[in-house]
Amino acid sequence: MTGVFLFPMLLLQIKPFEPRKDSVLQDKEIYSNLKISASGSIGQYYNSKCNPTYPNITVSTDNSIAKYDWCSNVAPDRDHPPWIQYDFGQYRTSLVGYSLRAGCCYYGACCLDDNTYMYDCCCSLYTFSLRGSNDNVTWDVLHRVEKDVSIEYCSNAHYDFPKTKPYKYVRLVQEEPYKGCKHCMILNRLEFYGVSEKGDPMAFDALDDMNDEEISIIGKVRNH
């Protein structure tokens, strides 16, 4: 494919997230300790070329709307889905919810190169899960969305759930792409809600021995 659709800004109702006192990433100290990684990244097409994207664009301390989006890699197979991960460093965070903003706010397509792009914002979130871990190996599935076609073109989505145990790592995983699309994901912004505290990692890890009925999880997943 050559060329790309650019979506006019005036057609989109782009809104910041509703302000909340328990917004985790609005705390500048927590934000400064945050490390962001991903399964991989590809580009976004604008200014007549494919430009690199970076996962750190998905967070901010001012609740702003990023001009550019982050585009994940294209998954090599179903067992290695694309993900973006947030490491809270010396903090552990008990979550009660999160908000996300779909990509394609100002520019439309993720791209592999100047001539190969994902037509019509085809990396939009579809079936995805939020996961937490304290060892970066075993992951608790905290929340899952299945086959939601509404999260596209800079739309906001918000989710609440019962308070979780504290986690060092939180990961958003695109488990399944929209039918006919490549297995990738595009994201403009993400915010977590909950309570963060410093502490001995070993003390927090001991919470992994809690009965699963005492904490808010859906299931467990191990890294491949």
C-alpha atoms as a PDB file:
ATOM      1  CA  MET A   1       0.000   0.000   0.000  1.00  0.00           C
ATOM      2  CA  THR A   2       1.101   3.555  -0.645  1.00  0.00           C
ATOM      3  CA  GLY A   3      -0.248   6.753   0.815  1.00  0.00           C
ATOM      4  CA  VAL A   4      -2.273   7.075   3.995  1.00  0.00           C
ATOM      5  CA  PHE A   5      -5.567   8.397   5.300  1.00  0.00           C
ATOM      6  CA  LEU A   6      -5.183  11.363   7.628  1.00  0.00           C
ATOM      7  CA  PHE A   7      -8.216  12.013   9.807  1.00  0.00           C
ATOM      8  CA  PRO A   8      -9.283  15.653  10.168  1.00  0.00           C
ATOM      9  CA  MET A   9      -8.861  16.937  13.698  1.00  0.00           C
ATOM     10  CA  LEU A  10     -12.158  18.865  13.533  1.00  0.00           C
ATOM     11  CA  LEU A  11     -14.168  15.676  13.143  1.00  0.00           C
ATOM     12  CA  LEU A  12     -12.943  14.277  16.467  1.00  0.00           C
ATOM     13  CA  GLN A  13     -14.187  15.229  19.926  1.00  0.00           C
ATOM     14  CA  ILE A  14     -10.898  14.902  21.776  1.00  0.00           C
ATOM     15  CA  LYS A  15     -11.284  15.224  25.539  1.00  0.00           C
ATOM     16  CA  PRO A  16      -8.871  14.944  28.489  1.00  0.00           C
ATOM     17  CA  PHE A  17      -9.572  12.384  31.188  1.00  0.00           C
ATOM     18  CA  GLU A  18     -11.802  13.439  34.068  1.00  0.00           C
ATOM     19  CA  PRO A  19      -9.576  14.710  36.939  1.00  0.00           C
ATOM     20  CA  ARG A  20      -9.321  12.369  39.933  1.00  0.00           C
ATOM     21  CA  LYS A  21      -7.455  12.664  43.225  1.00  0.00           C
ATOM     22  CA  ASP A  22      -6.260   9.065  42.954  1.00  0.00           C
ATOM     23  CA  SER A  23      -4.614   9.541  39.536  1.00  0.00           C
ATOM     24  CA  VAL A  24      -1.328   7.708  39.982  1.00  0.00           C
ATOM     25  CA  LEU A  25       0.728   9.294  37.212  1.00  0.00           C
ATOM     26  CA  GLN A  26      -0.213  12.866  38.144  1.00  0.00           C
ATOM     27  CA  ASP A  27       2.130  12.435  41.139  1.00  0.00           C
ATOM     28  CA  LYS A  28       5.408  13.871  39.837  1.00  0.00           C
ATOM     29  CA  GLU A  29       7.580  11.743  42.133  1.00  0.00           C
ATOM     30  CA  ILE A  30       5.917   8.533  40.963  1.00  0.00           C
ATOM     31  CA  TYR A  31       6.117   9.758  37.376  1.00  0.00           C
ATOM     32  CA  SER A  32       9.851  10.446  37.727  1.00  0.00           C
ATOM     33  CA  ASN A  33      10.419   6.858  38.931  1.00  0.00           C
ATOM     34  CA  LEU A  34       8.387   5.331  36.105  1.00  0.00           C
ATOM     35  CA  LYS A  35      10.073   3.166  33.474  1.00  0.00           C
ATOM     36  CA  ILE A  36       8.141   2.272  30.331  1.00  0.00           C
ATOM     37  CA  SER A  37       8.931  -0.579  27.959  1.00  0.00           C
ATOM     38  CA  ALA A  38       7.131  -2.463  25.222  1.00  0.00           C
ATOM     39  CA  SER A  39       7.189  -5.614  23.153  1.00  0.00           C
ATOM     40  CA  GLY A  40       8.369  -3.416  20.302  1.00  0.00           C
ATOM     41  CA  SER A  41       7.431  -0.290  18.367  1.00  0.00           C
ATOM     42  CA  ILE A  42       6.760   0.640  14.767  1.00  0.00           C
ATOM     43  CA  GLY A  43       6.114   4.024  13.182  1.00  0.00           C
ATOM     44  CA  GLN A  44       3.227   6.401  12.558  1.00  0.00           C
ATOM     45  CA  TYR A  45       2.674   8.025   9.180  1.00  0.00           C
ATOM     46  CA  TYR A  46       2.705  11.827   9.044  1.00  0.00           C
ATOM     47  CA  ASN A  47       4.586  14.545   7.153  1.00  0.00           C
ATOM     48  CA  SER A  48       4.636  12.193   4.149  1.00  0.00           C
ATOM     49  CA  LYS A  49       6.777   9.557   5.835  1.00  0.00           C
ATOM     50  CA  CYS A  50       6.830   6.820   8.479  1.00  0.00           C
ATOM     51  CA  ASN A  51       8.123   8.291  11.757  1.00  0.00           C
ATOM     52  CA  PRO A  52       9.269   6.307  14.834  1.00  0.00           C
ATOM     53  CA  THR A  53       6.996   6.101  17.887  1.00  0.00           C
ATOM     54  CA  TYR A  54       7.937   5.630  21.550  1.00  0.00           C
ATOM     55  CA  PRO A  55       5.963   4.085  24.449  1.00  0.00           C
ATOM     56  CA  ASN A  56       6.767   6.934  26.865  1.00  0.00           C
ATOM     57  CA  ILE A  57       4.440   9.220  24.852  1.00  0.00           C
ATOM     58  CA  THR A  58       1.488   7.409  26.473  1.00  0.00           C
ATOM     59  CA  VAL A  59       1.885   9.072  29.903  1.00  0.00           C
ATOM     60  CA  SER A  60       1.981  12.656  31.153  1.00  0.00           C
ATOM     61  CA  THR A  61       1.708  14.622  34.401  1.00  0.00           C
ATOM     62  CA  ASP A  62      -0.592  17.256  32.887  1.00  0.00           C
ATOM     63  CA  ASN A  63      -3.422  15.082  31.494  1.00  0.00           C
ATOM     64  CA  SER A  64      -2.707  16.460  28.030  1.00  0.00           C
ATOM     65  CA  ILE A  65      -3.608  14.937  24.676  1.00  0.00           C
ATOM     66  CA  ALA A  66      -0.512  13.762  22.847  1.00  0.00           C
ATOM     67  CA  LYS A  67      -0.205  14.931  19.265  1.00  0.00           C
ATOM     68  CA  TYR A  68       1.362  11.629  18.271  1.00  0.00           C
ATOM     69  CA  ASP A  69       0.501   8.055  19.248  1.00  0.00           C
ATOM     70  CA  TRP A  70       2.512   4.992  20.187  1.00  0.00           C
ATOM     71  CA  CYS A  71       2.313   2.042  17.788  1.00  0.00           C
ATOM     72  CA  SER A  72       3.380  -1.412  18.956  1.00  0.00           C
ATOM     73  CA  ASN A  73       5.220  -4.015  16.949  1.00  0.00           C
ATOM     74  CA  VAL A  74       3.231  -6.493  14.877  1.00  0.00           C
ATOM     75  CA  ALA A  75       3.015  -9.745  16.848  1.00  0.00           C
ATOM     76  CA  PRO A  76       4.940 -12.635  15.244  1.00  0.00           C
ATOM     77  CA  ASP A  77       2.296 -15.103  16.444  1.00  0.00           C
ATOM     78  CA  ARG A  78      -0.668 -15.397  18.826  1.00  0.00           C
ATOM     79  CA  ASP A  79       1.561 -16.575  21.699  1.00  0.00           C
ATOM     80  CA  HIS A  80       3.558 -13.325  21.691  1.00  0.00           C
ATOM     81  CA  PRO A  81       0.961 -10.521  21.688  1.00  0.00           C
ATOM     82  CA  PRO A  82       2.018  -6.862  21.716  1.00  0.00           C
ATOM     83  CA  TRP A  83       2.195  -5.130  25.090  1.00  0.00           C
ATOM     84  CA  ILE A  84       3.234  -1.937  26.853  1.00  0.00           C
ATOM     85  CA  GLN A  85       4.602  -2.112  30.406  1.00  0.00           C
ATOM     86  CA  TYR A  86       4.857   0.393  33.261  1.00  0.00           C
ATOM     87  CA  ASP A  87       7.472  -0.217  35.986  1.00  0.00           C
ATOM     88  CA  PHE A  88       6.825   1.868  39.114  1.00  0.00           C
ATOM     89  CA  GLY A  89      10.407   1.443  40.334  1.00  0.00           C
ATOM     90  CA  GLN A  90      10.632   1.736  44.131  1.00  0.00           C
ATOM     91  CA  TYR A  91       6.855   2.153  44.368  1.00  0.00           C
ATOM     92  CA  ARG A  92       4.147  -0.491  44.487  1.00  0.00           C
ATOM     93  CA  THR A  93       0.672   0.468  43.310  1.00  0.00           C
ATOM     94  CA  SER A  94      -2.716  -0.943  44.311  1.00  0.00           C
ATOM     95  CA  LEU A  95      -5.029  -0.225  41.394  1.00  0.00           C
ATOM     96  CA  VAL A  96      -8.750   0.544  41.409  1.00  0.00           C
ATOM     97  CA  GLY A  97      -9.081   1.404  37.720  1.00  0.00           C
ATOM     98  CA  TYR A  98      -7.558   2.994  34.639  1.00  0.00           C
ATOM     99  CA  SER A  99      -8.390   5.205  31.679  1.00  0.00           C
ATOM    100  CA  LEU A 100      -7.032   4.989  28.161  1.00  0.00           C
ATOM    101  CA  ARG A 101      -7.324   6.993  24.988  1.00  0.00           C
ATOM    102  CA  ALA A 102      -7.314   5.282  21.623  1.00  0.00           C
ATOM    103  CA  GLY A 103      -4.849   6.345  18.967  1.00  0.00           C
ATOM    104  CA  CYS A 104      -5.501   8.073  15.638  1.00  0.00           C
ATOM    105  CA  CYS A 105      -6.121  11.446  17.289  1.00  0.00           C
ATOM    106  CA  TYR A 106      -4.267  13.666  14.846  1.00  0.00           C
ATOM    107  CA  TYR A 107      -2.759  11.120  12.465  1.00  0.00           C
ATOM    108  CA  GLY A 108      -4.232   7.880  11.239  1.00  0.00           C
ATOM    109  CA  ALA A 109      -2.035   4.920  10.561  1.00  0.00           C
ATOM    110  CA  CYS A 110       0.750   2.949  12.142  1.00  0.00           C
ATOM    111  CA  CYS A 111       3.379   2.021   9.559  1.00  0.00           C
ATOM    112  CA  LEU A 112       6.263  -0.366   8.960  1.00  0.00           C
ATOM    113  CA  ASP A 113       7.947   1.921   6.424  1.00  0.00           C
ATOM    114  CA  ASP A 114       7.090   4.799   4.102  1.00  0.00           C
ATOM    115  CA  ASN A 115       5.069   2.505   1.843  1.00  0.00           C
ATOM    116  CA  THR A 116       3.580  -0.032   4.282  1.00  0.00           C
ATOM    117  CA  TYR A 117       0.978   1.059   6.813  1.00  0.00           C
ATOM    118  CA  MET A 118      -1.962  -0.290   8.812  1.00  0.00           C
ATOM    119  CA  TYR A 119      -4.996   0.929   6.885  1.00  0.00           C
ATOM    120  CA  ASP A 120      -7.828   2.738   8.687  1.00  0.00           C
ATOM    121  CA  CYS A 121      -6.361   2.746  12.237  1.00  0.00           C
ATOM    122  CA  CYS A 122      -6.311  -1.048  12.179  1.00  0.00           C
ATOM    123  CA  CYS A 123      -4.130  -1.368  15.327  1.00  0.00           C
ATOM    124  CA  SER A 124      -6.974  -0.153  17.578  1.00  0.00           C
ATOM    125  CA  LEU A 125      -7.539  -1.951  20.873  1.00  0.00           C
ATOM    126  CA  TYR A 126     -10.054  -4.782  20.531  1.00  0.00           C
ATOM    127  CA  THR A 127      -9.561  -7.674  22.965  1.00  0.00           C
ATOM    128  CA  PHE A 128      -7.061  -6.653  25.624  1.00  0.00           C
ATOM    129  CA  SER A 129      -6.170  -7.121  29.284  1.00  0.00           C
ATOM    130  CA  LEU A 130      -4.505  -5.212  32.111  1.00  0.00           C
ATOM    131  CA  ARG A 131      -2.042  -7.334  34.095  1.00  0.00           C
ATOM    132  CA  GLY A 132       0.041  -6.865  37.239  1.00  0.00           C
ATOM    133  CA  SER A 133       3.252  -8.513  38.449  1.00  0.00           C
ATOM    134  CA  ASN A 134       5.940  -8.191  41.087  1.00  0.00           C
ATOM    135  CA  ASP A 135       8.569 -10.398  39.414  1.00  0.00           C
ATOM    136  CA  ASN A 136       7.996  -9.563  35.723  1.00  0.00           C
ATOM    137  CA  VAL A 137       7.390 -13.266  35.063  1.00  0.00           C
ATOM    138  CA  THR A 138       4.040 -14.295  36.537  1.00  0.00           C
ATOM    139  CA  TRP A 139       1.171 -11.923  35.785  1.00  0.00           C
ATOM    140  CA  ASP A 140      -2.221 -11.521  37.418  1.00  0.00           C
ATOM    141  CA  VAL A 141      -4.955 -10.595  34.937  1.00  0.00           C
ATOM    142  CA  LEU A 142      -6.702  -7.662  36.628  1.00  0.00           C
ATOM    143  CA  HIS A 143      -9.165  -6.662  33.926  1.00  0.00           C
ATOM    144  CA  ARG A 144     -10.126  -7.821  30.439  1.00  0.00           C
ATOM    145  CA  VAL A 145     -12.108  -6.291  27.577  1.00  0.00           C
ATOM    146  CA  GLU A 146     -13.330  -8.548  24.780  1.00  0.00           C
ATOM    147  CA  LYS A 147     -14.198  -7.613  21.196  1.00  0.00           C
ATOM    148  CA  ASP A 148     -14.901  -3.919  21.833  1.00  0.00           C
ATOM    149  CA  VAL A 149     -15.096  -2.079  18.499  1.00  0.00           C
ATOM    150  CA  SER A 150     -15.720   1.345  20.080  1.00  0.00           C
ATOM    151  CA  ILE A 151     -12.135   2.068  21.194  1.00  0.00           C
ATOM    152  CA  GLU A 152     -10.871   3.895  18.125  1.00  0.00           C
ATOM    153  CA  TYR A 153     -10.167   7.351  16.694  1.00  0.00           C
ATOM    154  CA  CYS A 154      -9.071   9.048  19.924  1.00  0.00           C
ATOM    155  CA  SER A 155     -12.034   7.859  22.008  1.00  0.00           C
ATOM    156  CA  ASN A 156     -11.635   7.600  25.792  1.00  0.00           C
ATOM    157  CA  ALA A 157     -12.454   4.487  27.808  1.00  0.00           C
ATOM    158  CA  HIS A 158     -12.569   4.184  31.598  1.00  0.00           C
ATOM    159  CA  TYR A 159     -12.664   1.076  33.792  1.00  0.00           C
ATOM    160  CA  ASP A 160     -13.099   0.559  37.553  1.00  0.00           C
ATOM    161  CA  PHE A 161     -12.590  -2.643  39.532  1.00  0.00           C
ATOM    162  CA  PRO A 162     -12.069  -3.698  43.186  1.00  0.00           C
ATOM    163  CA  LYS A 163      -8.771  -2.637  44.727  1.00  0.00           C
ATOM    164  CA  THR A 164      -5.880  -4.940  43.834  1.00  0.00           C
ATOM    165  CA  LYS A 165      -2.840  -5.888  45.860  1.00  0.00           C
ATOM    166  CA  PRO A 166       0.273  -3.697  45.267  1.00  0.00           C
ATOM    167  CA  TYR A 167       2.204  -4.255  42.028  1.00  0.00           C
ATOM    168  CA  LYS A 168       5.583  -3.089  40.756  1.00  0.00           C
ATOM    169  CA  TYR A 169       4.778  -3.803  37.100  1.00  0.00           C
ATOM    170  CA  VAL A 170       1.574  -3.188  35.163  1.00  0.00           C
ATOM    171  CA  ARG A 171       1.151  -4.296  31.554  1.00  0.00           C
ATOM    172  CA  LEU A 172      -1.510  -3.634  28.903  1.00  0.00           C
ATOM    173  CA  VAL A 173      -1.719  -6.505  26.402  1.00  0.00           C
ATOM    174  CA  GLN A 174      -3.554  -6.616  23.068  1.00  0.00           C
ATOM    175  CA  GLU A 175      -4.704 -10.238  23.173  1.00  0.00           C
ATOM    176  CA  GLU A 176      -6.602 -10.322  19.890  1.00  0.00           C
ATOM    177  CA  PRO A 177      -6.769  -7.903  16.930  1.00  0.00           C
ATOM    178  CA  TYR A 178      -9.877  -6.830  15.102  1.00  0.00           C
ATOM    179  CA  LYS A 179     -10.819  -9.274  12.353  1.00  0.00           C
ATOM    180  CA  GLY A 180      -8.758  -8.660   9.235  1.00  0.00           C
ATOM    181  CA  CYS A 181      -6.190  -6.472  11.015  1.00  0.00           C
ATOM    182  CA  LYS A 182      -2.604  -7.240  11.893  1.00  0.00           C
ATOM    183  CA  HIS A 183      -1.917  -8.055  15.555  1.00  0.00           C
ATOM    184  CA  CYS A 184      -0.710  -4.667  16.805  1.00  0.00           C
ATOM    185  CA  MET A 185      -1.949  -1.882  19.086  1.00  0.00           C
ATOM    186  CA  ILE A 186      -2.072   1.922  19.000  1.00  0.00           C
ATOM    187  CA  LEU A 187      -2.395   4.080  22.126  1.00  0.00           C
ATOM    188  CA  ASN A 188      -2.433   7.819  22.760  1.00  0.00           C
ATOM    189  CA  ARG A 189      -2.623   8.079  26.553  1.00  0.00           C
ATOM    190  CA  LEU A 190      -3.078   5.947  29.671  1.00  0.00           C
ATOM    191  CA  GLU A 191      -3.706   6.792  33.343  1.00  0.00           C
ATOM    192  CA  PHE A 192      -3.907   4.524  36.384  1.00  0.00           C
ATOM    193  CA  TYR A 193      -6.001   5.100  39.516  1.00  0.00           C
ATOM    194  CA  GLY A 194      -5.147   3.788  42.947  1.00  0.00           C
ATOM    195  CA  VAL A 195      -2.695   4.132  45.835  1.00  0.00           C
ATOM    196  CA  SER A 196       1.105   3.948  45.576  1.00  0.00           C
ATOM    197  CA  GLU A 197       3.633   3.529  48.362  1.00  0.00           C
ATOM    198  CA  LYS A 198       7.336   2.914  48.777  1.00  0.00           C
ATOM    199  CA  GLY A 199       8.597  -0.171  50.524  1.00  0.00           C
ATOM    200  CA  ASP A 200      10.750  -3.276  50.623  1.00  0.00           C
ATOM    201  CA  PRO A 201      10.117  -5.274  47.438  1.00  0.00           C
ATOM    202  CA  MET A 202      10.356  -8.527  49.413  1.00  0.00           C
ATOM    203  CA  ALA A 203       7.552  -7.396  51.702  1.00  0.00           C
ATOM    204  CA  PHE A 204       5.312  -6.642  48.756  1.00  0.00           C
ATOM    205  CA  ASP A 205       6.225  -9.886  47.021  1.00  0.00           C
ATOM    206  CA  ALA A 206       5.035 -11.777  50.096  1.00  0.00           C
ATOM    207  CA  LEU A 207       1.532 -10.700  49.148  1.00  0.00           C
ATOM    208  CA  ASP A 208       1.756 -13.121  46.230  1.00  0.00           C
ATOM    209  CA  ASP A 209       1.081 -15.857  48.779  1.00  0.00           C
ATOM    210  CA  MET A 210      -2.361 -14.408  49.515  1.00  0.00           C
ATOM    211  CA  ASN A 211      -5.359 -16.492  48.595  1.00  0.00           C
ATOM    212  CA  ASP A 212      -6.587 -15.422  45.168  1.00  0.00           C
ATOM    213  CA  GLU A 213     -10.059 -14.957  46.624  1.00  0.00           C
ATOM    214  CA  GLU A 214      -8.716 -12.108  48.767  1.00  0.00           C
ATOM    215  CA  ILE A 215      -7.532  -9.992  45.844  1.00  0.00           C
ATOM    216  CA  SER A 216      -8.992  -8.727  42.583  1.00  0.00           C
ATOM    217  CA  ILE A 217      -7.608 -10.930  39.805  1.00  0.00           C
ATOM    218  CA  ILE A 218      -9.133 -12.825  36.909  1.00  0.00           C
ATOM    219  CA  GLY A 219      -6.321 -15.295  36.309  1.00  0.00           C
ATOM    220  CA  LYS A 220      -2.564 -15.778  36.099  1.00  0.00           C
ATOM    221  CA  VAL A 221      -0.270 -15.744  33.060  1.00  0.00           C
ATOM    222  CA  ARG A 222       3.444 -16.530  32.775  1.00  0.00           C
ATOM    223  CA  ASN A 223       5.844 -14.956  30.298  1.00  0.00           C
ATOM    224  CA  HIS A 224       6.745 -17.183  27.379  1.00  0.00           C
END
